[in-house]
Amino acid sequence: MSTKSKRKLLWSVVLAALLVTWLPYFGIFNSASMVMGLPQPLAVMIASNVVLTICVILIYPLYFKPFIRKLEEKPLHEEGVK
């Protein structure tokens, strides 16, 4: 899987998880039932926040590590040059 397709997949998962966090406000996943001892809206929020946290951890190597490598190869300014 190429880096570009990994990025697209990751951002689509982020957008889907963000959409799921808003569903209880619109009456979806907003019943009074319990899921593992938690009210359903809270369980949905916690699950989507876990997914978003994992996505944030995965964003680091996809975006910031290549950026740091490029900066090491070609710094923004040279030492001693004014």
Protein backbone atom coordinates (compact mmCIF):
# COMPACT_ATOMS: atom_id res chain seq x y z
CA MET A 1 0.00 0.00 0.00
CA SER A 2 1.49 3.34 -0.99
CA THR A 3 1.89 6.25 1.38
CA LYS A 4 -0.71 8.28 -0.48
CA SER A 5 -3.36 5.56 -0.14
CA LYS A 6 -2.46 5.10 3.55
CA ARG A 7 -3.00 8.82 4.11
CA LYS A 8 -6.36 8.75 2.32
CA LEU A 9 -7.48 5.73 4.34
CA LEU A 10 -6.34 7.31 7.61
CA TRP A 11 -8.13 10.60 6.93
CA SER A 12 -11.32 8.78 5.89
CA VAL A 13 -11.24 6.87 9.20
CA VAL A 14 -10.72 10.17 11.06
CA LEU A 15 -13.67 11.78 9.29
CA ALA A 16 -15.87 8.74 9.93
CA ALA A 17 -14.96 8.72 13.64
CA LEU A 18 -15.69 12.44 13.89
CA LEU A 19 -19.05 11.87 12.22
CA VAL A 20 -19.84 9.09 14.70
CA THR A 21 -19.11 11.45 17.62
CA TRP A 22 -21.87 13.77 16.37
CA LEU A 23 -24.52 11.08 15.81
CA PRO A 24 -25.91 11.10 19.39
CA TYR A 25 -26.72 14.80 18.98
CA PHE A 26 -28.97 13.89 16.05
CA GLY A 27 -30.77 11.09 17.90
CA ILE A 28 -28.76 8.20 16.44
CA PHE A 29 -27.06 5.96 19.05
CA ASN A 30 -28.99 7.92 21.66
CA SER A 31 -31.07 5.25 23.35
CA ALA A 32 -31.21 4.53 27.06
CA SER A 33 -29.65 1.08 26.66
CA MET A 34 -26.44 0.10 28.38
CA VAL A 35 -23.31 -1.10 26.58
CA MET A 36 -20.80 -2.79 28.89
CA GLY A 37 -22.19 -0.88 31.86
CA LEU A 38 -22.10 2.52 30.13
CA PRO A 39 -24.97 4.45 28.54
CA GLN A 40 -24.97 3.94 24.78
CA PRO A 41 -24.05 7.56 23.84
CA LEU A 42 -21.08 7.51 26.22
CA ALA A 43 -19.91 4.13 24.91
CA VAL A 44 -20.09 5.43 21.33
CA MET A 45 -18.10 8.55 22.27
CA ILE A 46 -15.43 6.55 24.08
CA ALA A 47 -15.07 4.09 21.19
CA SER A 48 -14.76 6.87 18.62
CA ASN A 49 -12.25 8.71 20.82
CA VAL A 50 -10.14 5.55 21.02
CA VAL A 51 -10.19 5.33 17.21
CA LEU A 52 -9.25 9.02 16.91
CA THR A 53 -6.38 8.58 19.37
CA ILE A 54 -5.00 5.67 17.35
CA CYS A 55 -5.31 7.77 14.18
CA VAL A 56 -3.35 10.61 15.76
CA ILE A 57 -0.60 8.17 16.72
CA LEU A 58 -0.53 6.88 13.12
CA ILE A 59 -0.44 10.39 11.62
CA TYR A 60 2.98 11.10 13.17
CA PRO A 61 5.05 8.67 11.06
CA LEU A 62 3.09 9.46 7.89
CA TYR A 63 3.56 13.23 8.00
CA PHE A 64 6.17 14.40 10.48
CA LYS A 65 8.94 11.82 10.03
CA PRO A 66 9.29 12.55 6.27
CA PHE A 67 9.20 16.28 7.06
CA ILE A 68 12.02 15.91 9.61
CA ARG A 69 14.09 13.84 7.14
CA LYS A 70 13.73 16.54 4.48
CA LEU A 71 14.73 19.22 6.99
CA GLU A 72 17.83 17.23 7.95
CA GLU A 73 18.82 16.90 4.29
CA LYS A 74 18.22 20.56 3.50
CA PRO A 75 17.98 22.84 6.55
CA LEU A 76 16.03 26.07 6.36
CA HIS A 77 19.16 28.08 7.12
CA GLU A 78 22.83 27.24 7.09
CA GLU A 79 24.93 27.59 10.24
CA GLY A 80 27.23 30.61 10.12
CA VAL A 81 25.58 32.15 7.03
CA LYS A 82 24.04 35.58 7.60
